[in-house]
């Protein structure tokens, strides 16, 4: 058994297709199939269910996959730690970020990349549930998500800032001139909101329930950019984190009105696996983020 065989297995489980997995690994399909069969022979268990095409993993294969992900993650961490001992941290860091925090993530990645020029960062937009799952499956090293709303397990957390909510609406609409608006009033106007699988949407729905009302938005999207487009070019308004308007800018045709009664906020922060030893890249990002005052930075924008 060797590392390449484990990499082939992980690629196959993710692509769920022999040809695509082989292309991803830059090898031929027969070579990939042969190496997977060698792994099965060496371990003495069937790993892949086969017909004329890939069907899935056997129960034994699922357990082998779990170990493969852990072993590959540890190998990456070893290489990262050795590079750090040589004086320059290198490697690839994948971050899962909830959509509502995407506008603010550059406040973390910019100073981190300046301090660690040998590190490459990939930012992926993910739901909070996906972030926790991918973190446990070693598919990402760190997540930027809510840290106080829904239970998190087997992770270490670092709160960064409080997310407050505003109504993004036309500057020439009926709410022109108002310094704040209630959740009850927001429920009375045409809305577009994030899809229910987003934790931000669940937070917004809970705020409406606490205010004694429910909403059925005409338009739902899993993208803040899509919501922004509907508000700007349509007749809808939407509820978004204050950071979105601050970082993206609303122009002269839109305005952000703070929503009160009840006033709500939730903590957004970083989460990383609590495994020992930790991922050097995730640990370095945690250390760098702890030195920043994101609340102050956001208020200064």
C-alpha atoms as a PDB file:
ATOM      1  CA  UNK A   1       0.000   0.000   0.000  1.00  0.00           C
ATOM      2  CA  UNK A   2       1.287   3.470  -0.849  1.00  0.00           C
ATOM      3  CA  UNK A   3       0.128   7.055  -0.806  1.00  0.00           C
ATOM      4  CA  UNK A   4      -0.701   7.161  -4.518  1.00  0.00           C
ATOM      5  CA  UNK A   5      -3.137   4.257  -4.161  1.00  0.00           C
ATOM      6  CA  UNK A   6      -4.946   6.159  -1.408  1.00  0.00           C
ATOM      7  CA  UNK A   7      -5.035   9.291  -3.560  1.00  0.00           C
ATOM      8  CA  UNK A   8      -6.565   7.270  -6.400  1.00  0.00           C
ATOM      9  CA  UNK A   9      -9.238   5.898  -4.067  1.00  0.00           C
ATOM     10  CA  UNK A  10     -10.173   9.346  -2.778  1.00  0.00           C
ATOM     11  CA  UNK A  11     -10.350  10.707  -6.323  1.00  0.00           C
ATOM     12  CA  UNK A  12     -12.581   7.818  -7.377  1.00  0.00           C
ATOM     13  CA  UNK A  13     -14.930   8.348  -4.432  1.00  0.00           C
ATOM     14  CA  UNK A  14     -15.248  12.038  -5.280  1.00  0.00           C
ATOM     15  CA  UNK A  15     -15.593  11.696  -9.053  1.00  0.00           C
ATOM     16  CA  UNK A  16     -17.648   8.461  -8.887  1.00  0.00           C
ATOM     17  CA  UNK A  17     -16.363   7.605 -12.340  1.00  0.00           C
ATOM     18  CA  UNK A  18     -13.203   5.708 -13.299  1.00  0.00           C
ATOM     19  CA  UNK A  19     -12.343   7.808 -16.347  1.00  0.00           C
ATOM     20  CA  UNK A  20     -12.844  11.143 -14.604  1.00  0.00           C
ATOM     21  CA  UNK A  21     -10.861   9.992 -11.565  1.00  0.00           C
ATOM     22  CA  UNK A  22      -8.030   8.795 -13.812  1.00  0.00           C
ATOM     23  CA  UNK A  23      -7.967  12.102 -15.699  1.00  0.00           C
ATOM     24  CA  UNK A  24      -7.886  13.984 -12.406  1.00  0.00           C
ATOM     25  CA  UNK A  25      -4.891  11.898 -11.277  1.00  0.00           C
ATOM     26  CA  UNK A  26      -3.147  12.242 -14.680  1.00  0.00           C
ATOM     27  CA  UNK A  27      -3.053   8.502 -15.296  1.00  0.00           C
ATOM     28  CA  UNK A  28      -4.865   6.121 -17.639  1.00  0.00           C
ATOM     29  CA  UNK A  29      -8.111   4.457 -16.610  1.00  0.00           C
ATOM     30  CA  UNK A  30      -6.607   0.929 -16.740  1.00  0.00           C
ATOM     31  CA  UNK A  31      -3.779   2.092 -14.472  1.00  0.00           C
ATOM     32  CA  UNK A  32      -6.197   3.499 -11.919  1.00  0.00           C
ATOM     33  CA  UNK A  33      -8.322   0.335 -11.961  1.00  0.00           C
ATOM     34  CA  UNK A  34      -5.210  -1.810 -11.593  1.00  0.00           C
ATOM     35  CA  UNK A  35      -3.902   0.190  -8.630  1.00  0.00           C
ATOM     36  CA  UNK A  36      -7.268  -0.003  -6.871  1.00  0.00           C
ATOM     37  CA  UNK A  37      -7.318  -3.790  -7.405  1.00  0.00           C
ATOM     38  CA  UNK A  38      -3.788  -3.997  -5.986  1.00  0.00           C
ATOM     39  CA  UNK A  39      -5.008  -2.118  -2.890  1.00  0.00           C
ATOM     40  CA  UNK A  40      -7.883  -4.588  -2.520  1.00  0.00           C
ATOM     41  CA  UNK A  41      -5.480  -7.532  -2.771  1.00  0.00           C
ATOM     42  CA  UNK A  42      -3.053  -6.030  -0.263  1.00  0.00           C
ATOM     43  CA  UNK A  43      -5.791  -5.306   2.273  1.00  0.00           C
ATOM     44  CA  UNK A  44      -7.680  -8.514   1.588  1.00  0.00           C
ATOM     45  CA  UNK A  45     -11.092  -6.858   1.240  1.00  0.00           C
ATOM     46  CA  UNK A  46     -13.279  -5.706  -1.669  1.00  0.00           C
ATOM     47  CA  UNK A  47     -13.242  -1.909  -1.853  1.00  0.00           C
ATOM     48  CA  UNK A  48     -15.179  -1.005  -5.012  1.00  0.00           C
ATOM     49  CA  UNK A  49     -18.468  -2.451  -6.235  1.00  0.00           C
ATOM     50  CA  UNK A  50     -18.053  -2.960  -9.959  1.00  0.00           C
ATOM     51  CA  UNK A  51     -20.257  -3.739 -12.899  1.00  0.00           C
ATOM     52  CA  UNK A  52     -19.558  -2.251 -16.307  1.00  0.00           C
ATOM     53  CA  UNK A  53     -19.173   1.055 -14.505  1.00  0.00           C
ATOM     54  CA  UNK A  54     -18.464   2.432 -11.039  1.00  0.00           C
ATOM     55  CA  UNK A  55     -21.355   1.639  -8.663  1.00  0.00           C
ATOM     56  CA  UNK A  56     -19.960   2.653  -5.289  1.00  0.00           C
ATOM     57  CA  UNK A  57     -17.824   1.513  -2.387  1.00  0.00           C
ATOM     58  CA  UNK A  58     -18.365  -1.606  -0.338  1.00  0.00           C
ATOM     59  CA  UNK A  59     -18.821  -1.244   3.439  1.00  0.00           C
ATOM     60  CA  UNK A  60     -15.156  -2.201   3.782  1.00  0.00           C
ATOM     61  CA  UNK A  61     -14.271   0.331   1.103  1.00  0.00           C
ATOM     62  CA  UNK A  62     -16.028   3.082   3.014  1.00  0.00           C
ATOM     63  CA  UNK A  63     -13.870   2.380   6.061  1.00  0.00           C
ATOM     64  CA  UNK A  64     -10.723   2.267   3.920  1.00  0.00           C
ATOM     65  CA  UNK A  65     -11.746   5.626   2.425  1.00  0.00           C
ATOM     66  CA  UNK A  66     -12.124   7.152   5.900  1.00  0.00           C
ATOM     67  CA  UNK A  67      -8.614   6.034   6.802  1.00  0.00           C
ATOM     68  CA  UNK A  68      -7.250   7.140   3.426  1.00  0.00           C
ATOM     69  CA  UNK A  69      -8.535  10.687   3.956  1.00  0.00           C
ATOM     70  CA  UNK A  70      -7.030  10.791   7.442  1.00  0.00           C
ATOM     71  CA  UNK A  71      -3.671   9.422   6.265  1.00  0.00           C
ATOM     72  CA  UNK A  72      -3.473  11.850   3.327  1.00  0.00           C
ATOM     73  CA  UNK A  73      -4.384  14.752   5.610  1.00  0.00           C
ATOM     74  CA  UNK A  74      -1.628  13.731   8.015  1.00  0.00           C
ATOM     75  CA  UNK A  75       0.855  13.496   5.137  1.00  0.00           C
ATOM     76  CA  UNK A  76      -0.067  17.012   4.033  1.00  0.00           C
ATOM     77  CA  UNK A  77       0.311  18.247   7.599  1.00  0.00           C
ATOM     78  CA  UNK A  78       3.721  16.603   7.865  1.00  0.00           C
ATOM     79  CA  UNK A  79       4.934  18.349   4.710  1.00  0.00           C
ATOM     80  CA  UNK A  80       3.545  21.661   5.961  1.00  0.00           C
ATOM     81  CA  UNK A  81       5.211  21.312   9.352  1.00  0.00           C
ATOM     82  CA  UNK A  82       8.556  20.458   7.775  1.00  0.00           C
ATOM     83  CA  UNK A  83       8.303  23.505   5.511  1.00  0.00           C
ATOM     84  CA  UNK A  84       7.577  25.619   8.574  1.00  0.00           C
ATOM     85  CA  UNK A  85      10.644  24.223  10.334  1.00  0.00           C
ATOM     86  CA  UNK A  86      12.683  25.262   7.301  1.00  0.00           C
ATOM     87  CA  UNK A  87      11.481  28.823   7.844  1.00  0.00           C
ATOM     88  CA  UNK A  88       8.741  29.248   5.234  1.00  0.00           C
ATOM     89  CA  UNK A  89       5.296  27.688   5.556  1.00  0.00           C
ATOM     90  CA  UNK A  90       4.080  26.238   2.240  1.00  0.00           C
ATOM     91  CA  UNK A  91       1.128  24.217   1.019  1.00  0.00           C
ATOM     92  CA  UNK A  92      -2.495  24.554  -0.049  1.00  0.00           C
ATOM     93  CA  UNK A  93      -5.201  25.713   2.353  1.00  0.00           C
ATOM     94  CA  UNK A  94      -8.848  25.154   1.447  1.00  0.00           C
ATOM     95  CA  UNK A  95     -11.400  27.300   3.299  1.00  0.00           C
ATOM     96  CA  UNK A  96     -15.125  26.658   3.371  1.00  0.00           C
ATOM     97  CA  UNK A  97     -16.976  29.954   3.899  1.00  0.00           C
ATOM     98  CA  UNK A  98     -20.684  30.567   4.412  1.00  0.00           C
ATOM     99  CA  UNK A  99     -22.085  32.948   1.757  1.00  0.00           C
ATOM    100  CA  UNK A 100     -22.840  35.712   4.256  1.00  0.00           C
ATOM    101  CA  UNK A 101     -19.152  35.828   5.281  1.00  0.00           C
ATOM    102  CA  UNK A 102     -17.676  35.791   1.764  1.00  0.00           C
ATOM    103  CA  UNK A 103     -17.486  39.604   1.531  1.00  0.00           C
ATOM    104  CA  UNK A 104     -15.339  39.705   4.690  1.00  0.00           C
ATOM    105  CA  UNK A 105     -13.041  36.739   4.064  1.00  0.00           C
ATOM    106  CA  UNK A 106     -10.429  38.847   2.245  1.00  0.00           C
ATOM    107  CA  UNK A 107      -9.817  40.693   5.514  1.00  0.00           C
ATOM    108  CA  UNK A 108      -8.317  37.390   6.718  1.00  0.00           C
ATOM    109  CA  UNK A 109      -6.697  36.014   3.595  1.00  0.00           C
ATOM    110  CA  UNK A 110      -4.911  39.222   2.534  1.00  0.00           C
ATOM    111  CA  UNK A 111      -2.716  39.640   5.645  1.00  0.00           C
ATOM    112  CA  UNK A 112      -2.266  35.849   5.890  1.00  0.00           C
ATOM    113  CA  UNK A 113      -0.929  35.612   2.316  1.00  0.00           C
ATOM    114  CA  UNK A 114       1.351  38.576   2.951  1.00  0.00           C
ATOM    115  CA  UNK A 115       2.824  36.763   5.962  1.00  0.00           C
ATOM    116  CA  UNK A 116       2.981  33.364   4.216  1.00  0.00           C
ATOM    117  CA  UNK A 117       3.630  33.935   0.483  1.00  0.00           C
ATOM    118  CA  UNK A 118       4.310  30.243  -0.084  1.00  0.00           C
ATOM    119  CA  UNK A 119       0.738  29.245   0.842  1.00  0.00           C
ATOM    120  CA  UNK A 120      -2.013  28.963  -1.773  1.00  0.00           C
ATOM    121  CA  UNK A 121      -5.584  29.504  -0.584  1.00  0.00           C
ATOM    122  CA  UNK A 122      -8.780  28.186  -2.146  1.00  0.00           C
ATOM    123  CA  UNK A 123     -12.027  29.751  -0.878  1.00  0.00           C
ATOM    124  CA  UNK A 124     -15.186  27.720  -1.424  1.00  0.00           C
ATOM    125  CA  UNK A 125     -18.734  28.936  -0.789  1.00  0.00           C
ATOM    126  CA  UNK A 126     -20.445  26.335   1.401  1.00  0.00           C
ATOM    127  CA  UNK A 127     -23.386  26.033   3.761  1.00  0.00           C
ATOM    128  CA  UNK A 128     -22.631  25.694   7.472  1.00  0.00           C
ATOM    129  CA  UNK A 129     -23.635  22.018   7.365  1.00  0.00           C
ATOM    130  CA  UNK A 130     -21.326  21.356   4.412  1.00  0.00           C
ATOM    131  CA  UNK A 131     -18.446  23.117   6.160  1.00  0.00           C
ATOM    132  CA  UNK A 132     -18.698  20.939   9.254  1.00  0.00           C
ATOM    133  CA  UNK A 133     -19.064  17.767   7.174  1.00  0.00           C
ATOM    134  CA  UNK A 134     -16.113  18.621   4.910  1.00  0.00           C
ATOM    135  CA  UNK A 135     -13.975  19.508   7.910  1.00  0.00           C
ATOM    136  CA  UNK A 136     -14.623  16.109   9.486  1.00  0.00           C
ATOM    137  CA  UNK A 137     -13.977  14.381   6.131  1.00  0.00           C
ATOM    138  CA  UNK A 138     -10.619  16.186   5.672  1.00  0.00           C
ATOM    139  CA  UNK A 139     -11.918  17.880   2.508  1.00  0.00           C
ATOM    140  CA  UNK A 140     -11.177  21.363   3.870  1.00  0.00           C
ATOM    141  CA  UNK A 141      -8.706  22.559   6.512  1.00  0.00           C
ATOM    142  CA  UNK A 142     -10.682  25.441   7.995  1.00  0.00           C
ATOM    143  CA  UNK A 143     -14.143  26.965   7.880  1.00  0.00           C
ATOM    144  CA  UNK A 144     -15.600  30.433   8.349  1.00  0.00           C
ATOM    145  CA  UNK A 145     -19.104  29.997   9.696  1.00  0.00           C
ATOM    146  CA  UNK A 146     -21.501  30.706  12.546  1.00  0.00           C
ATOM    147  CA  UNK A 147     -20.035  29.615  15.860  1.00  0.00           C
ATOM    148  CA  UNK A 148     -22.922  30.278  18.249  1.00  0.00           C
ATOM    149  CA  UNK A 149     -26.154  29.309  16.517  1.00  0.00           C
ATOM    150  CA  UNK A 150     -26.147  25.579  15.796  1.00  0.00           C
ATOM    151  CA  UNK A 151     -24.111  22.982  17.719  1.00  0.00           C
ATOM    152  CA  UNK A 152     -20.608  22.182  16.485  1.00  0.00           C
ATOM    153  CA  UNK A 153     -18.680  19.065  17.466  1.00  0.00           C
ATOM    154  CA  UNK A 154     -15.007  18.073  17.479  1.00  0.00           C
ATOM    155  CA  UNK A 155     -13.819  21.492  16.366  1.00  0.00           C
ATOM    156  CA  UNK A 156     -11.978  24.416  17.880  1.00  0.00           C
ATOM    157  CA  UNK A 157     -13.540  27.814  17.295  1.00  0.00           C
ATOM    158  CA  UNK A 158     -12.384  31.428  17.073  1.00  0.00           C
ATOM    159  CA  UNK A 159     -15.147  34.088  17.101  1.00  0.00           C
ATOM    160  CA  UNK A 160     -14.328  37.002  14.769  1.00  0.00           C
ATOM    161  CA  UNK A 161     -17.267  39.421  14.603  1.00  0.00           C
ATOM    162  CA  UNK A 162     -20.983  39.806  15.228  1.00  0.00           C
ATOM    163  CA  UNK A 163     -23.250  39.574  12.200  1.00  0.00           C
ATOM    164  CA  UNK A 164     -26.084  42.132  12.237  1.00  0.00           C
ATOM    165  CA  UNK A 165     -28.971  42.219   9.784  1.00  0.00           C
ATOM    166  CA  UNK A 166     -30.222  44.946   7.496  1.00  0.00           C
ATOM    167  CA  UNK A 167     -32.944  45.336   4.921  1.00  0.00           C
ATOM    168  CA  UNK A 168     -31.495  46.050   1.477  1.00  0.00           C
ATOM    169  CA  UNK A 169     -34.132  47.986  -0.427  1.00  0.00           C
ATOM    170  CA  UNK A 170     -34.639  50.731  -2.988  1.00  0.00           C
ATOM    171  CA  UNK A 171     -33.426  54.153  -1.899  1.00  0.00           C
ATOM    172  CA  UNK A 172     -36.570  55.572  -3.512  1.00  0.00           C
ATOM    173  CA  UNK A 173     -38.971  53.083  -1.944  1.00  0.00           C
ATOM    174  CA  UNK A 174     -41.619  53.547   0.768  1.00  0.00           C
ATOM    175  CA  UNK A 175     -39.033  53.195   3.566  1.00  0.00           C
ATOM    176  CA  UNK A 176     -36.978  56.169   2.409  1.00  0.00           C
ATOM    177  CA  UNK A 177     -35.875  58.277   5.366  1.00  0.00           C
ATOM    178  CA  UNK A 178     -36.280  55.564   8.021  1.00  0.00           C
ATOM    179  CA  UNK A 179     -33.295  54.901  10.293  1.00  0.00           C
ATOM    180  CA  UNK A 180     -34.532  51.427  11.273  1.00  0.00           C
ATOM    181  CA  UNK A 181     -37.325  49.004  10.501  1.00  0.00           C
ATOM    182  CA  UNK A 182     -39.041  46.238  12.473  1.00  0.00           C
ATOM    183  CA  UNK A 183     -39.181  42.595  11.450  1.00  0.00           C
ATOM    184  CA  UNK A 184     -42.975  42.915  11.295  1.00  0.00           C
ATOM    185  CA  UNK A 185     -42.679  45.721   8.759  1.00  0.00           C
ATOM    186  CA  UNK A 186     -40.113  43.770   6.738  1.00  0.00           C
ATOM    187  CA  UNK A 187     -42.555  40.840   6.559  1.00  0.00           C
ATOM    188  CA  UNK A 188     -45.101  43.062   4.808  1.00  0.00           C
ATOM    189  CA  UNK A 189     -42.981  43.894   1.758  1.00  0.00           C
ATOM    190  CA  UNK A 190     -41.996  41.702  -1.248  1.00  0.00           C
ATOM    191  CA  UNK A 191     -38.863  39.781  -0.316  1.00  0.00           C
ATOM    192  CA  UNK A 192     -36.223  37.602  -1.880  1.00  0.00           C
ATOM    193  CA  UNK A 193     -34.229  35.497   0.593  1.00  0.00           C
ATOM    194  CA  UNK A 194     -31.574  32.823   0.773  1.00  0.00           C
ATOM    195  CA  UNK A 195     -32.706  29.213   0.401  1.00  0.00           C
ATOM    196  CA  UNK A 196     -33.803  27.303   3.548  1.00  0.00           C
ATOM    197  CA  UNK A 197     -30.662  25.114   3.567  1.00  0.00           C
ATOM    198  CA  UNK A 198     -28.601  28.212   4.435  1.00  0.00           C
ATOM    199  CA  UNK A 199     -28.092  28.863   8.142  1.00  0.00           C
ATOM    200  CA  UNK A 200     -28.487  32.600   7.528  1.00  0.00           C
ATOM    201  CA  UNK A 201     -32.005  31.895   6.222  1.00  0.00           C
ATOM    202  CA  UNK A 202     -32.797  29.822   9.302  1.00  0.00           C
ATOM    203  CA  UNK A 203     -31.628  32.735  11.454  1.00  0.00           C
ATOM    204  CA  UNK A 204     -33.827  35.151   9.501  1.00  0.00           C
ATOM    205  CA  UNK A 205     -36.842  32.828   9.739  1.00  0.00           C
ATOM    206  CA  UNK A 206     -36.355  32.573  13.506  1.00  0.00           C
ATOM    207  CA  UNK A 207     -36.274  36.376  13.772  1.00  0.00           C
ATOM    208  CA  UNK A 208     -39.589  36.578  11.937  1.00  0.00           C
ATOM    209  CA  UNK A 209     -41.070  33.913  14.230  1.00  0.00           C
ATOM    210  CA  UNK A 210     -39.932  35.797  17.317  1.00  0.00           C
ATOM    211  CA  UNK A 211     -41.636  38.868  15.898  1.00  0.00           C
ATOM    212  CA  UNK A 212     -44.848  36.857  15.499  1.00  0.00           C
ATOM    213  CA  UNK A 213     -44.859  36.639  11.709  1.00  0.00           C
ATOM    214  CA  UNK A 214     -43.827  34.376   8.855  1.00  0.00           C
ATOM    215  CA  UNK A 215     -42.791  35.156   5.299  1.00  0.00           C
ATOM    216  CA  UNK A 216     -42.981  33.301   2.001  1.00  0.00           C
ATOM    217  CA  UNK A 217     -40.470  34.945  -0.328  1.00  0.00           C
ATOM    218  CA  UNK A 218     -41.342  34.946  -4.006  1.00  0.00           C
ATOM    219  CA  UNK A 219     -37.693  34.435  -4.943  1.00  0.00           C
ATOM    220  CA  UNK A 220     -35.098  32.272  -3.171  1.00  0.00           C
ATOM    221  CA  UNK A 221     -31.435  31.834  -4.096  1.00  0.00           C
ATOM    222  CA  UNK A 222     -28.329  30.259  -2.567  1.00  0.00           C
ATOM    223  CA  UNK A 223     -26.232  33.209  -3.718  1.00  0.00           C
ATOM    224  CA  UNK A 224     -26.009  36.683  -2.183  1.00  0.00           C
ATOM    225  CA  UNK A 225     -25.081  38.043  -5.594  1.00  0.00           C
ATOM    226  CA  UNK A 226     -28.332  36.687  -7.041  1.00  0.00           C
ATOM    227  CA  UNK A 227     -30.325  38.334  -4.247  1.00  0.00           C
ATOM    228  CA  UNK A 228     -28.506  41.620  -4.771  1.00  0.00           C
ATOM    229  CA  UNK A 229     -29.340  41.486  -8.489  1.00  0.00           C
ATOM    230  CA  UNK A 230     -33.036  40.910  -7.775  1.00  0.00           C
ATOM    231  CA  UNK A 231     -33.149  43.844  -5.385  1.00  0.00           C
ATOM    232  CA  UNK A 232     -31.299  46.186  -7.698  1.00  0.00           C
ATOM    233  CA  UNK A 233     -33.152  45.355 -10.891  1.00  0.00           C
ATOM    234  CA  UNK A 234     -36.491  44.097  -9.527  1.00  0.00           C
ATOM    235  CA  UNK A 235     -39.146  45.188  -7.070  1.00  0.00           C
ATOM    236  CA  UNK A 236     -37.948  43.052  -4.171  1.00  0.00           C
ATOM    237  CA  UNK A 237     -36.066  43.775  -0.959  1.00  0.00           C
ATOM    238  CA  UNK A 238     -33.914  41.302   0.970  1.00  0.00           C
ATOM    239  CA  UNK A 239     -32.461  40.713   4.417  1.00  0.00           C
ATOM    240  CA  UNK A 240     -28.668  40.480   4.383  1.00  0.00           C
ATOM    241  CA  UNK A 241     -25.795  40.787   6.855  1.00  0.00           C
ATOM    242  CA  UNK A 242     -24.594  44.346   7.345  1.00  0.00           C
ATOM    243  CA  UNK A 243     -21.120  43.268   6.195  1.00  0.00           C
ATOM    244  CA  UNK A 244     -22.414  42.600   2.673  1.00  0.00           C
ATOM    245  CA  UNK A 245     -23.452  46.195   2.047  1.00  0.00           C
ATOM    246  CA  UNK A 246     -20.329  47.470   3.774  1.00  0.00           C
ATOM    247  CA  UNK A 247     -17.901  45.408   1.706  1.00  0.00           C
ATOM    248  CA  UNK A 248     -19.678  45.353  -1.656  1.00  0.00           C
ATOM    249  CA  UNK A 249     -21.215  48.822  -1.668  1.00  0.00           C
ATOM    250  CA  UNK A 250     -24.814  49.572  -2.550  1.00  0.00           C
ATOM    251  CA  UNK A 251     -24.489  52.645  -4.765  1.00  0.00           C
ATOM    252  CA  UNK A 252     -27.015  55.467  -4.830  1.00  0.00           C
ATOM    253  CA  UNK A 253     -30.049  53.391  -5.816  1.00  0.00           C
ATOM    254  CA  UNK A 254     -30.093  51.079  -2.787  1.00  0.00           C
ATOM    255  CA  UNK A 255     -29.937  51.587   0.962  1.00  0.00           C
ATOM    256  CA  UNK A 256     -29.376  49.370   3.999  1.00  0.00           C
ATOM    257  CA  UNK A 257     -31.786  49.862   6.904  1.00  0.00           C
ATOM    258  CA  UNK A 258     -30.969  48.203  10.250  1.00  0.00           C
ATOM    259  CA  UNK A 259     -33.678  45.758  11.389  1.00  0.00           C
ATOM    260  CA  UNK A 260     -34.717  46.012  15.036  1.00  0.00           C
ATOM    261  CA  UNK A 261     -37.487  44.805  17.348  1.00  0.00           C
ATOM    262  CA  UNK A 262     -36.050  42.353  18.029  1.00  0.00           C
ATOM    263  CA  UNK A 263     -32.434  43.285  17.351  1.00  0.00           C
ATOM    264  CA  UNK A 264     -30.498  40.124  16.502  1.00  0.00           C
ATOM    265  CA  UNK A 265     -26.869  39.227  15.964  1.00  0.00           C
ATOM    266  CA  UNK A 266     -24.837  36.054  15.637  1.00  0.00           C
ATOM    267  CA  UNK A 267     -21.155  35.332  15.951  1.00  0.00           C
ATOM    268  CA  UNK A 268     -19.165  34.463  12.836  1.00  0.00           C
ATOM    269  CA  UNK A 269     -15.754  32.890  13.258  1.00  0.00           C
ATOM    270  CA  UNK A 270     -13.266  30.249  12.218  1.00  0.00           C
ATOM    271  CA  UNK A 271     -13.542  26.555  12.967  1.00  0.00           C
ATOM    272  CA  UNK A 272     -10.864  23.905  12.535  1.00  0.00           C
ATOM    273  CA  UNK A 273     -10.600  20.255  13.453  1.00  0.00           C
ATOM    274  CA  UNK A 274      -9.495  19.652  17.042  1.00  0.00           C
ATOM    275  CA  UNK A 275      -7.291  16.723  15.971  1.00  0.00           C
ATOM    276  CA  UNK A 276      -3.789  16.486  17.425  1.00  0.00           C
ATOM    277  CA  UNK A 277      -1.397  17.392  15.946  1.00  0.00           C
ATOM    278  CA  UNK A 278      -3.338  20.146  14.172  1.00  0.00           C
ATOM    279  CA  UNK A 279      -3.008  21.120  10.540  1.00  0.00           C
ATOM    280  CA  UNK A 280      -0.117  23.632  10.453  1.00  0.00           C
ATOM    281  CA  UNK A 281      -1.877  25.770   7.821  1.00  0.00           C
ATOM    282  CA  UNK A 282      -5.176  25.837   9.707  1.00  0.00           C
ATOM    283  CA  UNK A 283      -3.311  26.586  12.929  1.00  0.00           C
ATOM    284  CA  UNK A 284      -1.396  29.426  11.248  1.00  0.00           C
ATOM    285  CA  UNK A 285      -4.653  30.924   9.950  1.00  0.00           C
ATOM    286  CA  UNK A 286      -6.161  30.707  13.442  1.00  0.00           C
ATOM    287  CA  UNK A 287      -3.131  32.479  14.933  1.00  0.00           C
ATOM    288  CA  UNK A 288      -3.180  35.182  12.261  1.00  0.00           C
ATOM    289  CA  UNK A 289      -6.933  35.756  12.643  1.00  0.00           C
ATOM    290  CA  UNK A 290      -6.639  36.046  16.427  1.00  0.00           C
ATOM    291  CA  UNK A 291      -4.366  39.060  15.945  1.00  0.00           C
ATOM    292  CA  UNK A 292      -6.994  40.902  13.875  1.00  0.00           C
ATOM    293  CA  UNK A 293      -9.871  42.999  15.156  1.00  0.00           C
ATOM    294  CA  UNK A 294     -12.399  42.278  12.427  1.00  0.00           C
ATOM    295  CA  UNK A 295     -15.132  44.236  14.164  1.00  0.00           C
ATOM    296  CA  UNK A 296     -12.959  47.339  14.066  1.00  0.00           C
ATOM    297  CA  UNK A 297     -11.903  46.723  10.481  1.00  0.00           C
ATOM    298  CA  UNK A 298     -15.513  46.313   9.336  1.00  0.00           C
ATOM    299  CA  UNK A 299     -16.619  49.444  11.183  1.00  0.00           C
ATOM    300  CA  UNK A 300     -13.854  51.452   9.515  1.00  0.00           C
ATOM    301  CA  UNK A 301     -14.949  50.524   5.999  1.00  0.00           C
END
